[in-house]
PDBML (XML) file of the C-alpha atoms, coordinates in Angstrom:
<?xml version="1.0" encoding="UTF-8" ?>
<PDBx:datablock datablockName="MODEL"
   xmlns:PDBx="http://pdbml.pdb.org/schema/pdbx-v50.xsd"
   xmlns:xsi="http://www.w3.org/2001/XMLSchema-instance"
   xsi:schemaLocation="http://pdbml.pdb.org/schema/pdbx-v50.xsd pdbx-v50.xsd">
   <PDBx:atom_siteCategory>
      <PDBx:atom_site id="1">
         <PDBx:B_iso_or_equiv>0.00</PDBx:B_iso_or_equiv>
         <PDBx:Cartn_x>69.810</PDBx:Cartn_x>
         <PDBx:Cartn_y>40.814</PDBx:Cartn_y>
         <PDBx:Cartn_z>100.784</PDBx:Cartn_z>
         <PDBx:auth_asym_id>A</PDBx:auth_asym_id>
         <PDBx:auth_atom_id>CA</PDBx:auth_atom_id>
         <PDBx:auth_comp_id>GLY</PDBx:auth_comp_id>
         <PDBx:auth_seq_id>1</PDBx:auth_seq_id>
         <PDBx:group_PDB>ATOM</PDBx:group_PDB>
         <PDBx:label_alt_id xsi:nil="true" />
         <PDBx:label_asym_id>A</PDBx:label_asym_id>
         <PDBx:label_atom_id>CA</PDBx:label_atom_id>
         <PDBx:label_comp_id>GLY</PDBx:label_comp_id>
         <PDBx:label_entity_id>1</PDBx:label_entity_id>
         <PDBx:label_seq_id>1</PDBx:label_seq_id>
         <PDBx:occupancy>1.00</PDBx:occupancy>
         <PDBx:pdbx_PDB_model_num>1</PDBx:pdbx_PDB_model_num>
         <PDBx:type_symbol>C</PDBx:type_symbol>
      </PDBx:atom_site>
      <PDBx:atom_site id="2">
         <PDBx:B_iso_or_equiv>0.00</PDBx:B_iso_or_equiv>
         <PDBx:Cartn_x>68.998</PDBx:Cartn_x>
         <PDBx:Cartn_y>44.158</PDBx:Cartn_y>
         <PDBx:Cartn_z>102.667</PDBx:Cartn_z>
         <PDBx:auth_asym_id>A</PDBx:auth_asym_id>
         <PDBx:auth_atom_id>CA</PDBx:auth_atom_id>
         <PDBx:auth_comp_id>ARG</PDBx:auth_comp_id>
         <PDBx:auth_seq_id>2</PDBx:auth_seq_id>
         <PDBx:group_PDB>ATOM</PDBx:group_PDB>
         <PDBx:label_alt_id xsi:nil="true" />
         <PDBx:label_asym_id>A</PDBx:label_asym_id>
         <PDBx:label_atom_id>CA</PDBx:label_atom_id>
         <PDBx:label_comp_id>ARG</PDBx:label_comp_id>
         <PDBx:label_entity_id>1</PDBx:label_entity_id>
         <PDBx:label_seq_id>2</PDBx:label_seq_id>
         <PDBx:occupancy>1.00</PDBx:occupancy>
         <PDBx:pdbx_PDB_model_num>1</PDBx:pdbx_PDB_model_num>
         <PDBx:type_symbol>C</PDBx:type_symbol>
      </PDBx:atom_site>
      <PDBx:atom_site id="3">
         <PDBx:B_iso_or_equiv>0.00</PDBx:B_iso_or_equiv>
         <PDBx:Cartn_x>66.616</PDBx:Cartn_x>
         <PDBx:Cartn_y>43.181</PDBx:Cartn_y>
         <PDBx:Cartn_z>105.455</PDBx:Cartn_z>
         <PDBx:auth_asym_id>A</PDBx:auth_asym_id>
         <PDBx:auth_atom_id>CA</PDBx:auth_atom_id>
         <PDBx:auth_comp_id>PHE</PDBx:auth_comp_id>
         <PDBx:auth_seq_id>3</PDBx:auth_seq_id>
         <PDBx:group_PDB>ATOM</PDBx:group_PDB>
         <PDBx:label_alt_id xsi:nil="true" />
         <PDBx:label_asym_id>A</PDBx:label_asym_id>
         <PDBx:label_atom_id>CA</PDBx:label_atom_id>
         <PDBx:label_comp_id>PHE</PDBx:label_comp_id>
         <PDBx:label_entity_id>1</PDBx:label_entity_id>
         <PDBx:label_seq_id>3</PDBx:label_seq_id>
         <PDBx:occupancy>1.00</PDBx:occupancy>
         <PDBx:pdbx_PDB_model_num>1</PDBx:pdbx_PDB_model_num>
         <PDBx:type_symbol>C</PDBx:type_symbol>
      </PDBx:atom_site>
      <PDBx:atom_site id="4">
         <PDBx:B_iso_or_equiv>0.00</PDBx:B_iso_or_equiv>
         <PDBx:Cartn_x>66.787</PDBx:Cartn_x>
         <PDBx:Cartn_y>40.328</PDBx:Cartn_y>
         <PDBx:Cartn_z>107.931</PDBx:Cartn_z>
         <PDBx:auth_asym_id>A</PDBx:auth_asym_id>
         <PDBx:auth_atom_id>CA</PDBx:auth_atom_id>
         <PDBx:auth_comp_id>THR</PDBx:auth_comp_id>
         <PDBx:auth_seq_id>4</PDBx:auth_seq_id>
         <PDBx:group_PDB>ATOM</PDBx:group_PDB>
         <PDBx:label_alt_id xsi:nil="true" />
         <PDBx:label_asym_id>A</PDBx:label_asym_id>
         <PDBx:label_atom_id>CA</PDBx:label_atom_id>
         <PDBx:label_comp_id>THR</PDBx:label_comp_id>
         <PDBx:label_entity_id>1</PDBx:label_entity_id>
         <PDBx:label_seq_id>4</PDBx:label_seq_id>
         <PDBx:occupancy>1.00</PDBx:occupancy>
         <PDBx:pdbx_PDB_model_num>1</PDBx:pdbx_PDB_model_num>
         <PDBx:type_symbol>C</PDBx:type_symbol>
      </PDBx:atom_site>
      <PDBx:atom_site id="5">
         <PDBx:B_iso_or_equiv>0.00</PDBx:B_iso_or_equiv>
         <PDBx:Cartn_x>63.985</PDBx:Cartn_x>
         <PDBx:Cartn_y>38.975</PDBx:Cartn_y>
         <PDBx:Cartn_z>110.215</PDBx:Cartn_z>
         <PDBx:auth_asym_id>A</PDBx:auth_asym_id>
         <PDBx:auth_atom_id>CA</PDBx:auth_atom_id>
         <PDBx:auth_comp_id>ILE</PDBx:auth_comp_id>
         <PDBx:auth_seq_id>5</PDBx:auth_seq_id>
         <PDBx:group_PDB>ATOM</PDBx:group_PDB>
         <PDBx:label_alt_id xsi:nil="true" />
         <PDBx:label_asym_id>A</PDBx:label_asym_id>
         <PDBx:label_atom_id>CA</PDBx:label_atom_id>
         <PDBx:label_comp_id>ILE</PDBx:label_comp_id>
         <PDBx:label_entity_id>1</PDBx:label_entity_id>
         <PDBx:label_seq_id>5</PDBx:label_seq_id>
         <PDBx:occupancy>1.00</PDBx:occupancy>
         <PDBx:pdbx_PDB_model_num>1</PDBx:pdbx_PDB_model_num>
         <PDBx:type_symbol>C</PDBx:type_symbol>
      </PDBx:atom_site>
      <PDBx:atom_site id="6">
         <PDBx:B_iso_or_equiv>0.00</PDBx:B_iso_or_equiv>
         <PDBx:Cartn_x>64.853</PDBx:Cartn_x>
         <PDBx:Cartn_y>37.205</PDBx:Cartn_y>
         <PDBx:Cartn_z>113.326</PDBx:Cartn_z>
         <PDBx:auth_asym_id>A</PDBx:auth_asym_id>
         <PDBx:auth_atom_id>CA</PDBx:auth_atom_id>
         <PDBx:auth_comp_id>SER</PDBx:auth_comp_id>
         <PDBx:auth_seq_id>6</PDBx:auth_seq_id>
         <PDBx:group_PDB>ATOM</PDBx:group_PDB>
         <PDBx:label_alt_id xsi:nil="true" />
         <PDBx:label_asym_id>A</PDBx:label_asym_id>
         <PDBx:label_atom_id>CA</PDBx:label_atom_id>
         <PDBx:label_comp_id>SER</PDBx:label_comp_id>
         <PDBx:label_entity_id>1</PDBx:label_entity_id>
         <PDBx:label_seq_id>6</PDBx:label_seq_id>
         <PDBx:occupancy>1.00</PDBx:occupancy>
         <PDBx:pdbx_PDB_model_num>1</PDBx:pdbx_PDB_model_num>
         <PDBx:type_symbol>C</PDBx:type_symbol>
      </PDBx:atom_site>
      <PDBx:atom_site id="7">
         <PDBx:B_iso_or_equiv>0.00</PDBx:B_iso_or_equiv>
         <PDBx:Cartn_x>63.186</PDBx:Cartn_x>
         <PDBx:Cartn_y>36.481</PDBx:Cartn_y>
         <PDBx:Cartn_z>116.767</PDBx:Cartn_z>
         <PDBx:auth_asym_id>A</PDBx:auth_asym_id>
         <PDBx:auth_atom_id>CA</PDBx:auth_atom_id>
         <PDBx:auth_comp_id>ARG</PDBx:auth_comp_id>
         <PDBx:auth_seq_id>7</PDBx:auth_seq_id>
         <PDBx:group_PDB>ATOM</PDBx:group_PDB>
         <PDBx:label_alt_id xsi:nil="true" />
         <PDBx:label_asym_id>A</PDBx:label_asym_id>
         <PDBx:label_atom_id>CA</PDBx:label_atom_id>
         <PDBx:label_comp_id>ARG</PDBx:label_comp_id>
         <PDBx:label_entity_id>1</PDBx:label_entity_id>
         <PDBx:label_seq_id>7</PDBx:label_seq_id>
         <PDBx:occupancy>1.00</PDBx:occupancy>
         <PDBx:pdbx_PDB_model_num>1</PDBx:pdbx_PDB_model_num>
         <PDBx:type_symbol>C</PDBx:type_symbol>
      </PDBx:atom_site>
      <PDBx:atom_site id="8">
         <PDBx:B_iso_or_equiv>0.00</PDBx:B_iso_or_equiv>
         <PDBx:Cartn_x>64.254</PDBx:Cartn_x>
         <PDBx:Cartn_y>35.659</PDBx:Cartn_y>
         <PDBx:Cartn_z>120.338</PDBx:Cartn_z>
         <PDBx:auth_asym_id>A</PDBx:auth_asym_id>
         <PDBx:auth_atom_id>CA</PDBx:auth_atom_id>
         <PDBx:auth_comp_id>ASP</PDBx:auth_comp_id>
         <PDBx:auth_seq_id>8</PDBx:auth_seq_id>
         <PDBx:group_PDB>ATOM</PDBx:group_PDB>
         <PDBx:label_alt_id xsi:nil="true" />
         <PDBx:label_asym_id>A</PDBx:label_asym_id>
         <PDBx:label_atom_id>CA</PDBx:label_atom_id>
         <PDBx:label_comp_id>ASP</PDBx:label_comp_id>
         <PDBx:label_entity_id>1</PDBx:label_entity_id>
         <PDBx:label_seq_id>8</PDBx:label_seq_id>
         <PDBx:occupancy>1.00</PDBx:occupancy>
         <PDBx:pdbx_PDB_model_num>1</PDBx:pdbx_PDB_model_num>
         <PDBx:type_symbol>C</PDBx:type_symbol>
      </PDBx:atom_site>
      <PDBx:atom_site id="9">
         <PDBx:B_iso_or_equiv>0.00</PDBx:B_iso_or_equiv>
         <PDBx:Cartn_x>61.444</PDBx:Cartn_x>
         <PDBx:Cartn_y>33.458</PDBx:Cartn_y>
         <PDBx:Cartn_z>121.777</PDBx:Cartn_z>
         <PDBx:auth_asym_id>A</PDBx:auth_asym_id>
         <PDBx:auth_atom_id>CA</PDBx:auth_atom_id>
         <PDBx:auth_comp_id>ASN</PDBx:auth_comp_id>
         <PDBx:auth_seq_id>9</PDBx:auth_seq_id>
         <PDBx:group_PDB>ATOM</PDBx:group_PDB>
         <PDBx:label_alt_id xsi:nil="true" />
         <PDBx:label_asym_id>A</PDBx:label_asym_id>
         <PDBx:label_atom_id>CA</PDBx:label_atom_id>
         <PDBx:label_comp_id>ASN</PDBx:label_comp_id>
         <PDBx:label_entity_id>1</PDBx:label_entity_id>
         <PDBx:label_seq_id>9</PDBx:label_seq_id>
         <PDBx:occupancy>1.00</PDBx:occupancy>
         <PDBx:pdbx_PDB_model_num>1</PDBx:pdbx_PDB_model_num>
         <PDBx:type_symbol>C</PDBx:type_symbol>
      </PDBx:atom_site>
      <PDBx:atom_site id="10">
         <PDBx:B_iso_or_equiv>0.00</PDBx:B_iso_or_equiv>
         <PDBx:Cartn_x>63.070</PDBx:Cartn_x>
         <PDBx:Cartn_y>33.645</PDBx:Cartn_y>
         <PDBx:Cartn_z>125.134</PDBx:Cartn_z>
         <PDBx:auth_asym_id>A</PDBx:auth_asym_id>
         <PDBx:auth_atom_id>CA</PDBx:auth_atom_id>
         <PDBx:auth_comp_id>ALA</PDBx:auth_comp_id>
         <PDBx:auth_seq_id>10</PDBx:auth_seq_id>
         <PDBx:group_PDB>ATOM</PDBx:group_PDB>
         <PDBx:label_alt_id xsi:nil="true" />
         <PDBx:label_asym_id>A</PDBx:label_asym_id>
         <PDBx:label_atom_id>CA</PDBx:label_atom_id>
         <PDBx:label_comp_id>ALA</PDBx:label_comp_id>
         <PDBx:label_entity_id>1</PDBx:label_entity_id>
         <PDBx:label_seq_id>10</PDBx:label_seq_id>
         <PDBx:occupancy>1.00</PDBx:occupancy>
         <PDBx:pdbx_PDB_model_num>1</PDBx:pdbx_PDB_model_num>
         <PDBx:type_symbol>C</PDBx:type_symbol>
      </PDBx:atom_site>
      <PDBx:atom_site id="11">
         <PDBx:B_iso_or_equiv>0.00</PDBx:B_iso_or_equiv>
         <PDBx:Cartn_x>62.426</PDBx:Cartn_x>
         <PDBx:Cartn_y>37.382</PDBx:Cartn_y>
         <PDBx:Cartn_z>125.223</PDBx:Cartn_z>
         <PDBx:auth_asym_id>A</PDBx:auth_asym_id>
         <PDBx:auth_atom_id>CA</PDBx:auth_atom_id>
         <PDBx:auth_comp_id>LYS</PDBx:auth_comp_id>
         <PDBx:auth_seq_id>11</PDBx:auth_seq_id>
         <PDBx:group_PDB>ATOM</PDBx:group_PDB>
         <PDBx:label_alt_id xsi:nil="true" />
         <PDBx:label_asym_id>A</PDBx:label_asym_id>
         <PDBx:label_atom_id>CA</PDBx:label_atom_id>
         <PDBx:label_comp_id>LYS</PDBx:label_comp_id>
         <PDBx:label_entity_id>1</PDBx:label_entity_id>
         <PDBx:label_seq_id>11</PDBx:label_seq_id>
         <PDBx:occupancy>1.00</PDBx:occupancy>
         <PDBx:pdbx_PDB_model_num>1</PDBx:pdbx_PDB_model_num>
         <PDBx:type_symbol>C</PDBx:type_symbol>
      </PDBx:atom_site>
      <PDBx:atom_site id="12">
         <PDBx:B_iso_or_equiv>0.00</PDBx:B_iso_or_equiv>
         <PDBx:Cartn_x>59.180</PDBx:Cartn_x>
         <PDBx:Cartn_y>37.324</PDBx:Cartn_y>
         <PDBx:Cartn_z>123.383</PDBx:Cartn_z>
         <PDBx:auth_asym_id>A</PDBx:auth_asym_id>
         <PDBx:auth_atom_id>CA</PDBx:auth_atom_id>
         <PDBx:auth_comp_id>ASN</PDBx:auth_comp_id>
         <PDBx:auth_seq_id>12</PDBx:auth_seq_id>
         <PDBx:group_PDB>ATOM</PDBx:group_PDB>
         <PDBx:label_alt_id xsi:nil="true" />
         <PDBx:label_asym_id>A</PDBx:label_asym_id>
         <PDBx:label_atom_id>CA</PDBx:label_atom_id>
         <PDBx:label_comp_id>ASN</PDBx:label_comp_id>
         <PDBx:label_entity_id>1</PDBx:label_entity_id>
         <PDBx:label_seq_id>12</PDBx:label_seq_id>
         <PDBx:occupancy>1.00</PDBx:occupancy>
         <PDBx:pdbx_PDB_model_num>1</PDBx:pdbx_PDB_model_num>
         <PDBx:type_symbol>C</PDBx:type_symbol>
      </PDBx:atom_site>
      <PDBx:atom_site id="13">
         <PDBx:B_iso_or_equiv>0.00</PDBx:B_iso_or_equiv>
         <PDBx:Cartn_x>60.604</PDBx:Cartn_x>
         <PDBx:Cartn_y>39.709</PDBx:Cartn_y>
         <PDBx:Cartn_z>121.001</PDBx:Cartn_z>
         <PDBx:auth_asym_id>A</PDBx:auth_asym_id>
         <PDBx:auth_atom_id>CA</PDBx:auth_atom_id>
         <PDBx:auth_comp_id>THR</PDBx:auth_comp_id>
         <PDBx:auth_seq_id>13</PDBx:auth_seq_id>
         <PDBx:group_PDB>ATOM</PDBx:group_PDB>
         <PDBx:label_alt_id xsi:nil="true" />
         <PDBx:label_asym_id>A</PDBx:label_asym_id>
         <PDBx:label_atom_id>CA</PDBx:label_atom_id>
         <PDBx:label_comp_id>THR</PDBx:label_comp_id>
         <PDBx:label_entity_id>1</PDBx:label_entity_id>
         <PDBx:label_seq_id>13</PDBx:label_seq_id>
         <PDBx:occupancy>1.00</PDBx:occupancy>
         <PDBx:pdbx_PDB_model_num>1</PDBx:pdbx_PDB_model_num>
         <PDBx:type_symbol>C</PDBx:type_symbol>
      </PDBx:atom_site>
      <PDBx:atom_site id="14">
         <PDBx:B_iso_or_equiv>0.00</PDBx:B_iso_or_equiv>
         <PDBx:Cartn_x>60.820</PDBx:Cartn_x>
         <PDBx:Cartn_y>39.828</PDBx:Cartn_y>
         <PDBx:Cartn_z>117.112</PDBx:Cartn_z>
         <PDBx:auth_asym_id>A</PDBx:auth_asym_id>
         <PDBx:auth_atom_id>CA</PDBx:auth_atom_id>
         <PDBx:auth_comp_id>GLY</PDBx:auth_comp_id>
         <PDBx:auth_seq_id>14</PDBx:auth_seq_id>
         <PDBx:group_PDB>ATOM</PDBx:group_PDB>
         <PDBx:label_alt_id xsi:nil="true" />
         <PDBx:label_asym_id>A</PDBx:label_asym_id>
         <PDBx:label_atom_id>CA</PDBx:label_atom_id>
         <PDBx:label_comp_id>GLY</PDBx:label_comp_id>
         <PDBx:label_entity_id>1</PDBx:label_entity_id>
         <PDBx:label_seq_id>14</PDBx:label_seq_id>
         <PDBx:occupancy>1.00</PDBx:occupancy>
         <PDBx:pdbx_PDB_model_num>1</PDBx:pdbx_PDB_model_num>
         <PDBx:type_symbol>C</PDBx:type_symbol>
      </PDBx:atom_site>
      <PDBx:atom_site id="15">
         <PDBx:B_iso_or_equiv>0.00</PDBx:B_iso_or_equiv>
         <PDBx:Cartn_x>63.283</PDBx:Cartn_x>
         <PDBx:Cartn_y>41.932</PDBx:Cartn_y>
         <PDBx:Cartn_z>115.027</PDBx:Cartn_z>
         <PDBx:auth_asym_id>A</PDBx:auth_asym_id>
         <PDBx:auth_atom_id>CA</PDBx:auth_atom_id>
         <PDBx:auth_comp_id>TYR</PDBx:auth_comp_id>
         <PDBx:auth_seq_id>15</PDBx:auth_seq_id>
         <PDBx:group_PDB>ATOM</PDBx:group_PDB>
         <PDBx:label_alt_id xsi:nil="true" />
         <PDBx:label_asym_id>A</PDBx:label_asym_id>
         <PDBx:label_atom_id>CA</PDBx:label_atom_id>
         <PDBx:label_comp_id>TYR</PDBx:label_comp_id>
         <PDBx:label_entity_id>1</PDBx:label_entity_id>
         <PDBx:label_seq_id>15</PDBx:label_seq_id>
         <PDBx:occupancy>1.00</PDBx:occupancy>
         <PDBx:pdbx_PDB_model_num>1</PDBx:pdbx_PDB_model_num>
         <PDBx:type_symbol>C</PDBx:type_symbol>
      </PDBx:atom_site>
      <PDBx:atom_site id="16">
         <PDBx:B_iso_or_equiv>0.00</PDBx:B_iso_or_equiv>
         <PDBx:Cartn_x>63.675</PDBx:Cartn_x>
         <PDBx:Cartn_y>43.432</PDBx:Cartn_y>
         <PDBx:Cartn_z>111.710</PDBx:Cartn_z>
         <PDBx:auth_asym_id>A</PDBx:auth_asym_id>
         <PDBx:auth_atom_id>CA</PDBx:auth_atom_id>
         <PDBx:auth_comp_id>LEU</PDBx:auth_comp_id>
         <PDBx:auth_seq_id>16</PDBx:auth_seq_id>
         <PDBx:group_PDB>ATOM</PDBx:group_PDB>
         <PDBx:label_alt_id xsi:nil="true" />
         <PDBx:label_asym_id>A</PDBx:label_asym_id>
         <PDBx:label_atom_id>CA</PDBx:label_atom_id>
         <PDBx:label_comp_id>LEU</PDBx:label_comp_id>
         <PDBx:label_entity_id>1</PDBx:label_entity_id>
         <PDBx:label_seq_id>16</PDBx:label_seq_id>
         <PDBx:occupancy>1.00</PDBx:occupancy>
         <PDBx:pdbx_PDB_model_num>1</PDBx:pdbx_PDB_model_num>
         <PDBx:type_symbol>C</PDBx:type_symbol>
      </PDBx:atom_site>
      <PDBx:atom_site id="17">
         <PDBx:B_iso_or_equiv>0.00</PDBx:B_iso_or_equiv>
         <PDBx:Cartn_x>67.285</PDBx:Cartn_x>
         <PDBx:Cartn_y>44.537</PDBx:Cartn_y>
         <PDBx:Cartn_z>110.602</PDBx:Cartn_z>
         <PDBx:auth_asym_id>A</PDBx:auth_asym_id>
         <PDBx:auth_atom_id>CA</PDBx:auth_atom_id>
         <PDBx:auth_comp_id>GLN</PDBx:auth_comp_id>
         <PDBx:auth_seq_id>17</PDBx:auth_seq_id>
         <PDBx:group_PDB>ATOM</PDBx:group_PDB>
         <PDBx:label_alt_id xsi:nil="true" />
         <PDBx:label_asym_id>A</PDBx:label_asym_id>
         <PDBx:label_atom_id>CA</PDBx:label_atom_id>
         <PDBx:label_comp_id>GLN</PDBx:label_comp_id>
         <PDBx:label_entity_id>1</PDBx:label_entity_id>
         <PDBx:label_seq_id>17</PDBx:label_seq_id>
         <PDBx:occupancy>1.00</PDBx:occupancy>
         <PDBx:pdbx_PDB_model_num>1</PDBx:pdbx_PDB_model_num>
         <PDBx:type_symbol>C</PDBx:type_symbol>
      </PDBx:atom_site>
      <PDBx:atom_site id="18">
         <PDBx:B_iso_or_equiv>0.00</PDBx:B_iso_or_equiv>
         <PDBx:Cartn_x>66.880</PDBx:Cartn_x>
         <PDBx:Cartn_y>46.868</PDBx:Cartn_y>
         <PDBx:Cartn_z>107.646</PDBx:Cartn_z>
         <PDBx:auth_asym_id>A</PDBx:auth_asym_id>
         <PDBx:auth_atom_id>CA</PDBx:auth_atom_id>
         <PDBx:auth_comp_id>MET</PDBx:auth_comp_id>
         <PDBx:auth_seq_id>18</PDBx:auth_seq_id>
         <PDBx:group_PDB>ATOM</PDBx:group_PDB>
         <PDBx:label_alt_id xsi:nil="true" />
         <PDBx:label_asym_id>A</PDBx:label_asym_id>
         <PDBx:label_atom_id>CA</PDBx:label_atom_id>
         <PDBx:label_comp_id>MET</PDBx:label_comp_id>
         <PDBx:label_entity_id>1</PDBx:label_entity_id>
         <PDBx:label_seq_id>18</PDBx:label_seq_id>
         <PDBx:occupancy>1.00</PDBx:occupancy>
         <PDBx:pdbx_PDB_model_num>1</PDBx:pdbx_PDB_model_num>
         <PDBx:type_symbol>C</PDBx:type_symbol>
      </PDBx:atom_site>
      <PDBx:atom_site id="19">
         <PDBx:B_iso_or_equiv>0.00</PDBx:B_iso_or_equiv>
         <PDBx:Cartn_x>70.225</PDBx:Cartn_x>
         <PDBx:Cartn_y>47.897</PDBx:Cartn_y>
         <PDBx:Cartn_z>105.893</PDBx:Cartn_z>
         <PDBx:auth_asym_id>A</PDBx:auth_asym_id>
         <PDBx:auth_atom_id>CA</PDBx:auth_atom_id>
         <PDBx:auth_comp_id>ASN</PDBx:auth_comp_id>
         <PDBx:auth_seq_id>19</PDBx:auth_seq_id>
         <PDBx:group_PDB>ATOM</PDBx:group_PDB>
         <PDBx:label_alt_id xsi:nil="true" />
         <PDBx:label_asym_id>A</PDBx:label_asym_id>
         <PDBx:label_atom_id>CA</PDBx:label_atom_id>
         <PDBx:label_comp_id>ASN</PDBx:label_comp_id>
         <PDBx:label_entity_id>1</PDBx:label_entity_id>
         <PDBx:label_seq_id>19</PDBx:label_seq_id>
         <PDBx:occupancy>1.00</PDBx:occupancy>
         <PDBx:pdbx_PDB_model_num>1</PDBx:pdbx_PDB_model_num>
         <PDBx:type_symbol>C</PDBx:type_symbol>
      </PDBx:atom_site>
      <PDBx:atom_site id="20">
         <PDBx:B_iso_or_equiv>0.00</PDBx:B_iso_or_equiv>
         <PDBx:Cartn_x>70.884</PDBx:Cartn_x>
         <PDBx:Cartn_y>49.794</PDBx:Cartn_y>
         <PDBx:Cartn_z>102.648</PDBx:Cartn_z>
         <PDBx:auth_asym_id>A</PDBx:auth_asym_id>
         <PDBx:auth_atom_id>CA</PDBx:auth_atom_id>
         <PDBx:auth_comp_id>SER</PDBx:auth_comp_id>
         <PDBx:auth_seq_id>20</PDBx:auth_seq_id>
         <PDBx:group_PDB>ATOM</PDBx:group_PDB>
         <PDBx:label_alt_id xsi:nil="true" />
         <PDBx:label_asym_id>A</PDBx:label_asym_id>
         <PDBx:label_atom_id>CA</PDBx:label_atom_id>
         <PDBx:label_comp_id>SER</PDBx:label_comp_id>
         <PDBx:label_entity_id>1</PDBx:label_entity_id>
         <PDBx:label_seq_id>20</PDBx:label_seq_id>
         <PDBx:occupancy>1.00</PDBx:occupancy>
         <PDBx:pdbx_PDB_model_num>1</PDBx:pdbx_PDB_model_num>
         <PDBx:type_symbol>C</PDBx:type_symbol>
      </PDBx:atom_site>
      <PDBx:atom_site id="21">
         <PDBx:B_iso_or_equiv>0.00</PDBx:B_iso_or_equiv>
         <PDBx:Cartn_x>67.708</PDBx:Cartn_x>
         <PDBx:Cartn_y>51.724</PDBx:Cartn_y>
         <PDBx:Cartn_z>103.175</PDBx:Cartn_z>
         <PDBx:auth_asym_id>A</PDBx:auth_asym_id>
         <PDBx:auth_atom_id>CA</PDBx:auth_atom_id>
         <PDBx:auth_comp_id>LEU</PDBx:auth_comp_id>
         <PDBx:auth_seq_id>21</PDBx:auth_seq_id>
         <PDBx:group_PDB>ATOM</PDBx:group_PDB>
         <PDBx:label_alt_id xsi:nil="true" />
         <PDBx:label_asym_id>A</PDBx:label_asym_id>
         <PDBx:label_atom_id>CA</PDBx:label_atom_id>
         <PDBx:label_comp_id>LEU</PDBx:label_comp_id>
         <PDBx:label_entity_id>1</PDBx:label_entity_id>
         <PDBx:label_seq_id>21</PDBx:label_seq_id>
         <PDBx:occupancy>1.00</PDBx:occupancy>
         <PDBx:pdbx_PDB_model_num>1</PDBx:pdbx_PDB_model_num>
         <PDBx:type_symbol>C</PDBx:type_symbol>
      </PDBx:atom_site>
      <PDBx:atom_site id="22">
         <PDBx:B_iso_or_equiv>0.00</PDBx:B_iso_or_equiv>
         <PDBx:Cartn_x>66.184</PDBx:Cartn_x>
         <PDBx:Cartn_y>53.526</PDBx:Cartn_y>
         <PDBx:Cartn_z>100.304</PDBx:Cartn_z>
         <PDBx:auth_asym_id>A</PDBx:auth_asym_id>
         <PDBx:auth_atom_id>CA</PDBx:auth_atom_id>
         <PDBx:auth_comp_id>LYS</PDBx:auth_comp_id>
         <PDBx:auth_seq_id>22</PDBx:auth_seq_id>
         <PDBx:group_PDB>ATOM</PDBx:group_PDB>
         <PDBx:label_alt_id xsi:nil="true" />
         <PDBx:label_asym_id>A</PDBx:label_asym_id>
         <PDBx:label_atom_id>CA</PDBx:label_atom_id>
         <PDBx:label_comp_id>LYS</PDBx:label_comp_id>
         <PDBx:label_entity_id>1</PDBx:label_entity_id>
         <PDBx:label_seq_id>22</PDBx:label_seq_id>
         <PDBx:occupancy>1.00</PDBx:occupancy>
         <PDBx:pdbx_PDB_model_num>1</PDBx:pdbx_PDB_model_num>
         <PDBx:type_symbol>C</PDBx:type_symbol>
      </PDBx:atom_site>
      <PDBx:atom_site id="23">
         <PDBx:B_iso_or_equiv>0.00</PDBx:B_iso_or_equiv>
         <PDBx:Cartn_x>63.736</PDBx:Cartn_x>
         <PDBx:Cartn_y>56.501</PDBx:Cartn_y>
         <PDBx:Cartn_z>100.321</PDBx:Cartn_z>
         <PDBx:auth_asym_id>A</PDBx:auth_asym_id>
         <PDBx:auth_atom_id>CA</PDBx:auth_atom_id>
         <PDBx:auth_comp_id>PRO</PDBx:auth_comp_id>
         <PDBx:auth_seq_id>23</PDBx:auth_seq_id>
         <PDBx:group_PDB>ATOM</PDBx:group_PDB>
         <PDBx:label_alt_id xsi:nil="true" />
         <PDBx:label_asym_id>A</PDBx:label_asym_id>
         <PDBx:label_atom_id>CA</PDBx:label_atom_id>
         <PDBx:label_comp_id>PRO</PDBx:label_comp_id>
         <PDBx:label_entity_id>1</PDBx:label_entity_id>
         <PDBx:label_seq_id>23</PDBx:label_seq_id>
         <PDBx:occupancy>1.00</PDBx:occupancy>
         <PDBx:pdbx_PDB_model_num>1</PDBx:pdbx_PDB_model_num>
         <PDBx:type_symbol>C</PDBx:type_symbol>
      </PDBx:atom_site>
      <PDBx:atom_site id="24">
         <PDBx:B_iso_or_equiv>0.00</PDBx:B_iso_or_equiv>
         <PDBx:Cartn_x>61.149</PDBx:Cartn_x>
         <PDBx:Cartn_y>54.150</PDBx:Cartn_y>
         <PDBx:Cartn_z>98.943</PDBx:Cartn_z>
         <PDBx:auth_asym_id>A</PDBx:auth_asym_id>
         <PDBx:auth_atom_id>CA</PDBx:auth_atom_id>
         <PDBx:auth_comp_id>GLU</PDBx:auth_comp_id>
         <PDBx:auth_seq_id>24</PDBx:auth_seq_id>
         <PDBx:group_PDB>ATOM</PDBx:group_PDB>
         <PDBx:label_alt_id xsi:nil="true" />
         <PDBx:label_asym_id>A</PDBx:label_asym_id>
         <PDBx:label_atom_id>CA</PDBx:label_atom_id>
         <PDBx:label_comp_id>GLU</PDBx:label_comp_id>
         <PDBx:label_entity_id>1</PDBx:label_entity_id>
         <PDBx:label_seq_id>24</PDBx:label_seq_id>
         <PDBx:occupancy>1.00</PDBx:occupancy>
         <PDBx:pdbx_PDB_model_num>1</PDBx:pdbx_PDB_model_num>
         <PDBx:type_symbol>C</PDBx:type_symbol>
      </PDBx:atom_site>
      <PDBx:atom_site id="25">
         <PDBx:B_iso_or_equiv>0.00</PDBx:B_iso_or_equiv>
         <PDBx:Cartn_x>61.294</PDBx:Cartn_x>
         <PDBx:Cartn_y>52.174</PDBx:Cartn_y>
         <PDBx:Cartn_z>102.190</PDBx:Cartn_z>
         <PDBx:auth_asym_id>A</PDBx:auth_asym_id>
         <PDBx:auth_atom_id>CA</PDBx:auth_atom_id>
         <PDBx:auth_comp_id>ASP</PDBx:auth_comp_id>
         <PDBx:auth_seq_id>25</PDBx:auth_seq_id>
         <PDBx:group_PDB>ATOM</PDBx:group_PDB>
         <PDBx:label_alt_id xsi:nil="true" />
         <PDBx:label_asym_id>A</PDBx:label_asym_id>
         <PDBx:label_atom_id>CA</PDBx:label_atom_id>
         <PDBx:label_comp_id>ASP</PDBx:label_comp_id>
         <PDBx:label_entity_id>1</PDBx:label_entity_id>
         <PDBx:label_seq_id>25</PDBx:label_seq_id>
         <PDBx:occupancy>1.00</PDBx:occupancy>
         <PDBx:pdbx_PDB_model_num>1</PDBx:pdbx_PDB_model_num>
         <PDBx:type_symbol>C</PDBx:type_symbol>
      </PDBx:atom_site>
   </PDBx:atom_siteCategory>
</PDBx:datablock>
């Protein structure tokens, strides 16, 4: 619910979108 993993194989790139970050992250 806070993080989203994705990838774009055409760009050879992966992503991690991190929202609502907490100090423990």
